[in-house]
Amino acid sequence: MTTITDRPDRLQASECRPPRTGPSRPQRGYASGKEDYLRRLRKIEGQVRGLQKMIEADTWCPDVVIQVGSVTRALQEVAVGLLNEHLRHCVLTAARGSQHDGAASIDEVAGVIRQIVRL
């Protein structure tokens, strides 16, 4: 990927690459909403603990399944939000860098979508 440097407020394309090993980690596109994502995931974690308690309490199966659906939708919303941030940050940056980088980034996103649709 090409590094974008024509405006100081733009992040570098290298920040969109998969994680490197080592102590230094680039800021991700979702960094500005990181606290919101963490808050949502903590809420989902609580919902999953609630599901465990429902099973332990022998709760009626349809009620448990409804709650499983609720947790699933909440996780899907997190995934869509992260993917949206990736599209707006990394894919757009790559496309501005070069046609090749943009196409490669779109292929990467298409692969991710393919993987999550197969659930």
C-alpha atoms as a PDB file:
ATOM      1  CA  MET A   1       0.000   0.000   0.000  1.00  0.00           C
ATOM      2  CA  THR A   2       1.030   3.564  -0.600  1.00  0.00           C
ATOM      3  CA  THR A   3       1.499   6.044   2.231  1.00  0.00           C
ATOM      4  CA  ILE A   4      -0.695   9.121   1.950  1.00  0.00           C
ATOM      5  CA  THR A   5       1.109  12.271   3.075  1.00  0.00           C
ATOM      6  CA  ASP A   6      -0.504  15.153   1.193  1.00  0.00           C
ATOM      7  CA  ARG A   7      -2.645  16.116   4.235  1.00  0.00           C
ATOM      8  CA  PRO A   8      -1.536  15.818   7.850  1.00  0.00           C
ATOM      9  CA  ASP A   9      -5.021  14.780   9.042  1.00  0.00           C
ATOM     10  CA  ARG A  10      -4.976  11.633   6.910  1.00  0.00           C
ATOM     11  CA  LEU A  11      -3.712   8.452   8.431  1.00  0.00           C
ATOM     12  CA  GLN A  12      -1.016   6.479   6.705  1.00  0.00           C
ATOM     13  CA  ALA A  13      -2.070   3.496   4.631  1.00  0.00           C
ATOM     14  CA  SER A  14       0.399   1.344   6.570  1.00  0.00           C
ATOM     15  CA  GLU A  15      -1.966   1.705   9.533  1.00  0.00           C
ATOM     16  CA  CYS A  16      -4.501  -0.347   7.570  1.00  0.00           C
ATOM     17  CA  ARG A  17      -2.283  -3.359   7.087  1.00  0.00           C
ATOM     18  CA  PRO A  18      -2.843  -6.511   9.119  1.00  0.00           C
ATOM     19  CA  PRO A  19      -1.174  -6.480  12.547  1.00  0.00           C
ATOM     20  CA  ARG A  20       2.571  -6.859  12.781  1.00  0.00           C
ATOM     21  CA  THR A  21       4.247  -8.799  15.492  1.00  0.00           C
ATOM     22  CA  GLY A  22       6.027  -6.689  18.052  1.00  0.00           C
ATOM     23  CA  PRO A  23       5.258  -4.001  20.606  1.00  0.00           C
ATOM     24  CA  SER A  24       4.403  -1.080  18.289  1.00  0.00           C
ATOM     25  CA  ARG A  25       0.872  -1.238  16.928  1.00  0.00           C
ATOM     26  CA  PRO A  26      -0.689   1.179  14.448  1.00  0.00           C
ATOM     27  CA  GLN A  27      -3.896   3.000  15.283  1.00  0.00           C
ATOM     28  CA  ARG A  28      -6.837   1.357  13.539  1.00  0.00           C
ATOM     29  CA  GLY A  29      -9.618   3.119  11.654  1.00  0.00           C
ATOM     30  CA  TYR A  30     -12.077   2.395  14.465  1.00  0.00           C
ATOM     31  CA  ALA A  31      -9.852   4.018  17.098  1.00  0.00           C
ATOM     32  CA  SER A  32     -12.064   7.087  17.424  1.00  0.00           C
ATOM     33  CA  GLY A  33     -15.025   4.862  18.344  1.00  0.00           C
ATOM     34  CA  LYS A  34     -13.015   2.345  20.323  1.00  0.00           C
ATOM     35  CA  GLU A  35     -14.688   3.137  23.656  1.00  0.00           C
ATOM     36  CA  ASP A  36     -18.123   2.701  22.079  1.00  0.00           C
ATOM     37  CA  TYR A  37     -17.128  -0.686  20.661  1.00  0.00           C
ATOM     38  CA  LEU A  38     -15.726  -1.768  24.006  1.00  0.00           C
ATOM     39  CA  ARG A  39     -18.906  -0.622  25.786  1.00  0.00           C
ATOM     40  CA  ARG A  40     -21.046  -2.584  23.333  1.00  0.00           C
ATOM     41  CA  LEU A  41     -18.899  -5.691  23.697  1.00  0.00           C
ATOM     42  CA  ARG A  42     -19.076  -5.491  27.500  1.00  0.00           C
ATOM     43  CA  LYS A  43     -22.867  -5.317  27.209  1.00  0.00           C
ATOM     44  CA  ILE A  44     -22.839  -8.354  24.911  1.00  0.00           C
ATOM     45  CA  GLU A  45     -20.598 -10.159  27.383  1.00  0.00           C
ATOM     46  CA  GLY A  46     -23.221  -9.496  30.049  1.00  0.00           C
ATOM     47  CA  GLN A  47     -25.932 -10.827  27.760  1.00  0.00           C
ATOM     48  CA  VAL A  48     -23.944 -14.036  27.233  1.00  0.00           C
ATOM     49  CA  ARG A  49     -23.548 -14.437  31.000  1.00  0.00           C
ATOM     50  CA  GLY A  50     -27.327 -13.985  31.226  1.00  0.00           C
ATOM     51  CA  LEU A  51     -27.762 -16.782  28.692  1.00  0.00           C
ATOM     52  CA  GLN A  52     -25.598 -19.049  30.831  1.00  0.00           C
ATOM     53  CA  LYS A  53     -27.788 -18.297  33.833  1.00  0.00           C
ATOM     54  CA  MET A  54     -30.911 -19.007  31.782  1.00  0.00           C
ATOM     55  CA  ILE A  55     -29.563 -22.427  30.846  1.00  0.00           C
ATOM     56  CA  GLU A  56     -28.537 -23.120  34.458  1.00  0.00           C
ATOM     57  CA  ALA A  57     -32.067 -22.168  35.562  1.00  0.00           C
ATOM     58  CA  ASP A  58     -33.672 -24.455  32.945  1.00  0.00           C
ATOM     59  CA  THR A  59     -35.429 -21.516  31.282  1.00  0.00           C
ATOM     60  CA  TRP A  60     -37.987 -22.315  28.604  1.00  0.00           C
ATOM     61  CA  CYS A  61     -36.096 -23.034  25.348  1.00  0.00           C
ATOM     62  CA  PRO A  62     -37.852 -20.464  23.125  1.00  0.00           C
ATOM     63  CA  ASP A  63     -36.967 -17.697  25.607  1.00  0.00           C
ATOM     64  CA  VAL A  64     -33.316 -18.735  25.508  1.00  0.00           C
ATOM     65  CA  VAL A  65     -33.316 -18.862  21.709  1.00  0.00           C
ATOM     66  CA  ILE A  66     -34.817 -15.359  21.528  1.00  0.00           C
ATOM     67  CA  GLN A  67     -32.002 -14.073  23.746  1.00  0.00           C
ATOM     68  CA  VAL A  68     -29.415 -15.894  21.610  1.00  0.00           C
ATOM     69  CA  GLY A  69     -30.850 -14.048  18.606  1.00  0.00           C
ATOM     70  CA  SER A  70     -30.526 -10.769  20.465  1.00  0.00           C
ATOM     71  CA  VAL A  71     -26.856 -11.408  21.253  1.00  0.00           C
ATOM     72  CA  THR A  72     -26.230 -12.503  17.665  1.00  0.00           C
ATOM     73  CA  ARG A  73     -27.752  -9.289  16.293  1.00  0.00           C
ATOM     74  CA  ALA A  74     -25.715  -7.200  18.706  1.00  0.00           C
ATOM     75  CA  LEU A  75     -22.506  -8.898  17.547  1.00  0.00           C
ATOM     76  CA  GLN A  76     -23.530  -8.431  13.927  1.00  0.00           C
ATOM     77  CA  GLU A  77     -23.989  -4.707  14.562  1.00  0.00           C
ATOM     78  CA  VAL A  78     -20.468  -4.517  15.982  1.00  0.00           C
ATOM     79  CA  ALA A  79     -19.129  -6.361  12.924  1.00  0.00           C
ATOM     80  CA  VAL A  80     -20.985  -4.052  10.526  1.00  0.00           C
ATOM     81  CA  GLY A  81     -19.702  -0.989  12.377  1.00  0.00           C
ATOM     82  CA  LEU A  82     -16.111  -2.235  12.247  1.00  0.00           C
ATOM     83  CA  LEU A  83     -16.428  -3.107   8.577  1.00  0.00           C
ATOM     84  CA  ASN A  84     -17.911   0.319   7.860  1.00  0.00           C
ATOM     85  CA  GLU A  85     -14.972   1.980   9.617  1.00  0.00           C
ATOM     86  CA  HIS A  86     -12.556  -0.202   7.659  1.00  0.00           C
ATOM     87  CA  LEU A  87     -14.214   0.793   4.383  1.00  0.00           C
ATOM     88  CA  ARG A  88     -14.168   4.490   5.219  1.00  0.00           C
ATOM     89  CA  HIS A  89     -10.621   4.460   6.555  1.00  0.00           C
ATOM     90  CA  CYS A  90      -8.481   1.755   5.002  1.00  0.00           C
ATOM     91  CA  VAL A  91     -10.230   1.026   1.717  1.00  0.00           C
ATOM     92  CA  LEU A  92     -10.720   4.688   0.892  1.00  0.00           C
ATOM     93  CA  THR A  93      -7.082   5.430   1.761  1.00  0.00           C
ATOM     94  CA  ALA A  94      -5.911   2.535  -0.418  1.00  0.00           C
ATOM     95  CA  ALA A  95      -8.115   3.629  -3.325  1.00  0.00           C
ATOM     96  CA  ARG A  96      -6.733   7.153  -3.107  1.00  0.00           C
ATOM     97  CA  GLY A  97      -3.203   5.723  -3.140  1.00  0.00           C
ATOM     98  CA  SER A  98      -3.498   3.680  -6.314  1.00  0.00           C
ATOM     99  CA  GLN A  99      -5.965   1.682  -8.348  1.00  0.00           C
ATOM    100  CA  HIS A 100      -4.060  -1.523  -7.561  1.00  0.00           C
ATOM    101  CA  ASP A 101      -4.097  -0.906  -3.793  1.00  0.00           C
ATOM    102  CA  GLY A 102      -7.788   0.017  -3.923  1.00  0.00           C
ATOM    103  CA  ALA A 103      -8.668  -3.160  -5.815  1.00  0.00           C
ATOM    104  CA  ALA A 104      -6.622  -5.286  -3.409  1.00  0.00           C
ATOM    105  CA  SER A 105      -8.333  -3.671  -0.437  1.00  0.00           C
ATOM    106  CA  ILE A 106     -11.782  -4.255  -1.946  1.00  0.00           C
ATOM    107  CA  ASP A 107     -10.870  -7.905  -2.577  1.00  0.00           C
ATOM    108  CA  GLU A 108      -9.851  -8.187   1.081  1.00  0.00           C
ATOM    109  CA  VAL A 109     -13.190  -6.768   2.249  1.00  0.00           C
ATOM    110  CA  ALA A 110     -15.087  -9.037  -0.139  1.00  0.00           C
ATOM    111  CA  GLY A 111     -13.264 -12.005   1.424  1.00  0.00           C
ATOM    112  CA  VAL A 112     -14.254 -10.877   4.912  1.00  0.00           C
ATOM    113  CA  ILE A 113     -17.884 -10.470   3.841  1.00  0.00           C
ATOM    114  CA  ARG A 114     -17.810 -13.905   2.209  1.00  0.00           C
ATOM    115  CA  GLN A 115     -16.467 -15.388   5.428  1.00  0.00           C
ATOM    116  CA  ILE A 116     -19.090 -13.818   7.714  1.00  0.00           C
ATOM    117  CA  VAL A 117     -22.002 -14.552   5.386  1.00  0.00           C
ATOM    118  CA  ARG A 118     -21.193 -18.271   5.556  1.00  0.00           C
ATOM    119  CA  LEU A 119     -21.914 -18.290   9.298  1.00  0.00           C
END
